[in-house]
Amino acid sequence: MNKLDAFEMNTQIYYLAIMQAICRYYRYPSIELLVTLVSE
C-alpha cells in the first residue's frame, strides 16, 4: 500500500463518518440519504 492508497482510504472513511453524523443529526435513514445524494 502506497501513500496515495492510504490517503484515499482515509478520505472515504472521513466522508462515511460525515454522512453518518449528518444522518444522525437529521435522523435520516442513511440509505435514503445516499439515494438522495446519488440521484441529484
PDB file of N, CA and C in Angstrom:
ATOM      1  N   MET A   1       0.857  -1.205   0.000  1.00  0.00           N
ATOM      2  CA  MET A   1       0.000   0.000   0.000  1.00  0.00           C
ATOM      3  C   MET A   1       0.890   1.251   0.000  1.00  0.00           C
ATOM      4  N   ASN A   2       0.696   2.097  -0.987  1.00  0.00           N
ATOM      5  CA  ASN A   2       1.480   3.328  -1.029  1.00  0.00           C
ATOM      6  C   ASN A   2       0.721   4.469  -0.358  1.00  0.00           C
ATOM      7  N   LYS A   3       1.325   5.630  -0.308  1.00  0.00           N
ATOM      8  CA  LYS A   3       0.722   6.750   0.424  1.00  0.00           C
ATOM      9  C   LYS A   3      -0.618   7.165  -0.169  1.00  0.00           C
ATOM     10  N   LEU A   4      -0.718   7.114  -1.511  1.00  0.00           N
ATOM     11  CA  LEU A   4      -1.949   7.558  -2.161  1.00  0.00           C
ATOM     12  C   LEU A   4      -3.116   6.652  -1.781  1.00  0.00           C
ATOM     13  N   ASP A   5      -2.884   5.321  -1.760  1.00  0.00           N
ATOM     14  CA  ASP A   5      -3.939   4.393  -1.375  1.00  0.00           C
ATOM     15  C   ASP A   5      -4.405   4.667   0.050  1.00  0.00           C
ATOM     16  N   ALA A   6      -3.463   4.879   0.950  1.00  0.00           N
ATOM     17  CA  ALA A   6      -3.810   5.151   2.345  1.00  0.00           C
ATOM     18  C   ALA A   6      -4.605   6.446   2.444  1.00  0.00           C
ATOM     19  N   PHE A   7      -4.212   7.445   1.670  1.00  0.00           N
ATOM     20  CA  PHE A   7      -4.918   8.729   1.696  1.00  0.00           C
ATOM     21  C   PHE A   7      -6.343   8.558   1.187  1.00  0.00           C
ATOM     22  N   GLU A   8      -6.513   7.801   0.085  1.00  0.00           N
ATOM     23  CA  GLU A   8      -7.858   7.593  -0.455  1.00  0.00           C
ATOM     24  C   GLU A   8      -8.729   6.856   0.545  1.00  0.00           C
ATOM     25  N   MET A   9      -8.156   5.852   1.227  1.00  0.00           N
ATOM     26  CA  MET A   9      -8.941   5.093   2.186  1.00  0.00           C
ATOM     27  C   MET A   9      -9.355   5.989   3.353  1.00  0.00           C
ATOM     28  N   ASN A  10      -8.430   6.815   3.839  1.00  0.00           N
ATOM     29  CA  ASN A  10      -8.755   7.731   4.932  1.00  0.00           C
ATOM     30  C   ASN A  10      -9.833   8.715   4.511  1.00  0.00           C
ATOM     31  N   THR A  11      -9.781   9.172   3.254  1.00  0.00           N
ATOM     32  CA  THR A  11     -10.776  10.121   2.761  1.00  0.00           C
ATOM     33  C   THR A  11     -12.150   9.470   2.724  1.00  0.00           C
ATOM     34  N   GLN A  12     -12.216   8.203   2.266  1.00  0.00           N
ATOM     35  CA  GLN A  12     -13.501   7.504   2.219  1.00  0.00           C
ATOM     36  C   GLN A  12     -14.073   7.335   3.621  1.00  0.00           C
ATOM     37  N   ILE A  13     -13.222   6.959   4.570  1.00  0.00           N
ATOM     38  CA  ILE A  13     -13.677   6.789   5.954  1.00  0.00           C
ATOM     39  C   ILE A  13     -14.176   8.123   6.507  1.00  0.00           C
ATOM     40  N   TYR A  14     -13.461   9.197   6.156  1.00  0.00           N
ATOM     41  CA  TYR A  14     -13.831  10.537   6.611  1.00  0.00           C
ATOM     42  C   TYR A  14     -15.210  10.920   6.083  1.00  0.00           C
ATOM     43  N   TYR A  15     -15.437  10.683   4.778  1.00  0.00           N
ATOM     44  CA  TYR A  15     -16.742  11.005   4.196  1.00  0.00           C
ATOM     45  C   TYR A  15     -17.842  10.143   4.801  1.00  0.00           C
ATOM     46  N   LEU A  16     -17.567   8.867   5.040  1.00  0.00           N
ATOM     47  CA  LEU A  16     -18.560   7.994   5.658  1.00  0.00           C
ATOM     48  C   LEU A  16     -18.920   8.503   7.050  1.00  0.00           C
ATOM     49  N   ALA A  17     -17.915   8.935   7.804  1.00  0.00           N
ATOM     50  CA  ALA A  17     -18.164   9.447   9.150  1.00  0.00           C
ATOM     51  C   ALA A  17     -19.013  10.707   9.093  1.00  0.00           C
ATOM     52  N   ILE A  18     -18.732  11.579   8.124  1.00  0.00           N
ATOM     53  CA  ILE A  18     -19.526  12.804   7.968  1.00  0.00           C
ATOM     54  C   ILE A  18     -20.970  12.454   7.627  1.00  0.00           C
ATOM     55  N   MET A  19     -21.156  11.503   6.706  1.00  0.00           N
ATOM     56  CA  MET A  19     -22.521  11.120   6.322  1.00  0.00           C
ATOM     57  C   MET A  19     -23.270  10.531   7.505  1.00  0.00           C
ATOM     58  N   GLN A  20     -22.578   9.707   8.301  1.00  0.00           N
ATOM     59  CA  GLN A  20     -23.234   9.142   9.483  1.00  0.00           C
ATOM     60  C   GLN A  20     -23.654  10.245  10.446  1.00  0.00           C
ATOM     61  N   ALA A  21     -22.781  11.235  10.623  1.00  0.00           N
ATOM     62  CA  ALA A  21     -23.099  12.344  11.523  1.00  0.00           C
ATOM     63  C   ALA A  21     -24.295  13.132  11.003  1.00  0.00           C
ATOM     64  N   ILE A  22     -24.331  13.356   9.690  1.00  0.00           N
ATOM     65  CA  ILE A  22     -25.462  14.079   9.093  1.00  0.00           C
ATOM     66  C   ILE A  22     -26.746  13.279   9.273  1.00  0.00           C
ATOM     67  N   CYS A  23     -26.670  11.971   9.022  1.00  0.00           N
ATOM     68  CA  CYS A  23     -27.854  11.120   9.180  1.00  0.00           C
ATOM     69  C   CYS A  23     -28.362  11.166  10.612  1.00  0.00           C
ATOM     70  N   ARG A  24     -27.428  11.134  11.565  1.00  0.00           N
ATOM     71  CA  ARG A  24     -27.824  11.169  12.966  1.00  0.00           C
ATOM     72  C   ARG A  24     -28.441  12.521  13.314  1.00  0.00           C
ATOM     73  N   TYR A  25     -27.856  13.588  12.769  1.00  0.00           N
ATOM     74  CA  TYR A  25     -28.323  14.928  13.090  1.00  0.00           C
ATOM     75  C   TYR A  25     -29.737  15.147  12.565  1.00  0.00           C
ATOM     76  N   TYR A  26     -29.965  14.757  11.316  1.00  0.00           N
ATOM     77  CA  TYR A  26     -31.290  14.963  10.725  1.00  0.00           C
ATOM     78  C   TYR A  26     -32.216  13.774  10.941  1.00  0.00           C
ATOM     79  N   ARG A  27     -31.685  12.708  11.527  1.00  0.00           N
ATOM     80  CA  ARG A  27     -32.445  11.477  11.762  1.00  0.00           C
ATOM     81  C   ARG A  27     -32.973  10.891  10.462  1.00  0.00           C
ATOM     82  N   TYR A  28     -32.144  10.966   9.417  1.00  0.00           N
ATOM     83  CA  TYR A  28     -32.489  10.290   8.165  1.00  0.00           C
ATOM     84  C   TYR A  28     -31.952   8.862   8.206  1.00  0.00           C
ATOM     85  N   PRO A  29     -32.673   7.922   7.628  1.00  0.00           N
ATOM     86  CA  PRO A  29     -32.058   6.617   7.366  1.00  0.00           C
ATOM     87  C   PRO A  29     -30.915   6.820   6.373  1.00  0.00           C
ATOM     88  N   SER A  30     -29.774   6.233   6.641  1.00  0.00           N
ATOM     89  CA  SER A  30     -28.594   6.507   5.820  1.00  0.00           C
ATOM     90  C   SER A  30     -28.806   6.100   4.365  1.00  0.00           C
ATOM     91  N   ILE A  31     -29.567   5.018   4.118  1.00  0.00           N
ATOM     92  CA  ILE A  31     -29.786   4.578   2.737  1.00  0.00           C
ATOM     93  C   ILE A  31     -30.571   5.636   1.975  1.00  0.00           C
ATOM     94  N   GLU A  32     -31.580   6.209   2.592  1.00  0.00           N
ATOM     95  CA  GLU A  32     -32.357   7.263   1.924  1.00  0.00           C
ATOM     96  C   GLU A  32     -31.469   8.441   1.576  1.00  0.00           C
ATOM     97  N   LEU A  33     -30.596   8.825   2.492  1.00  0.00           N
ATOM     98  CA  LEU A  33     -29.704   9.955   2.239  1.00  0.00           C
ATOM     99  C   LEU A  33     -28.753   9.635   1.090  1.00  0.00           C
ATOM    100  N   LEU A  34     -28.227   8.405   1.074  1.00  0.00           N
ATOM    101  CA  LEU A  34     -27.332   8.008  -0.016  1.00  0.00           C
ATOM    102  C   LEU A  34     -28.054   8.066  -1.348  1.00  0.00           C
ATOM    103  N   VAL A  35     -29.278   7.553  -1.402  1.00  0.00           N
ATOM    104  CA  VAL A  35     -30.047   7.578  -2.649  1.00  0.00           C
ATOM    105  C   VAL A  35     -30.282   9.017  -3.081  1.00  0.00           C
ATOM    106  N   THR A  36     -30.594   9.887  -2.130  1.00  0.00           N
ATOM    107  CA  THR A  36     -30.824  11.295  -2.454  1.00  0.00           C
ATOM    108  C   THR A  36     -29.565  11.928  -3.029  1.00  0.00           C
ATOM    109  N   LEU A  37     -28.417  11.649  -2.403  1.00  0.00           N
ATOM    110  CA  LEU A  37     -27.161  12.233  -2.885  1.00  0.00           C
ATOM    111  C   LEU A  37     -26.805  11.705  -4.268  1.00  0.00           C
ATOM    112  N   VAL A  38     -27.032  10.407  -4.502  1.00  0.00           N
ATOM    113  CA  VAL A  38     -26.663   9.804  -5.789  1.00  0.00           C
ATOM    114  C   VAL A  38     -27.579  10.296  -6.896  1.00  0.00           C
ATOM    115  N   SER A  39     -28.863  10.486  -6.581  1.00  0.00           N
ATOM    116  CA  SER A  39     -29.832  10.817  -7.636  1.00  0.00           C
ATOM    117  C   SER A  39     -29.736  12.272  -8.077  1.00  0.00           C
ATOM    118  N   GLU A  40     -29.113  13.126  -7.262  1.00  0.00           N
ATOM    119  CA  GLU A  40     -29.029  14.541  -7.630  1.00  0.00           C
ATOM    120  C   GLU A  40     -28.013  14.776  -8.738  1.00  0.00           C
TER     121      GLU A  40
END
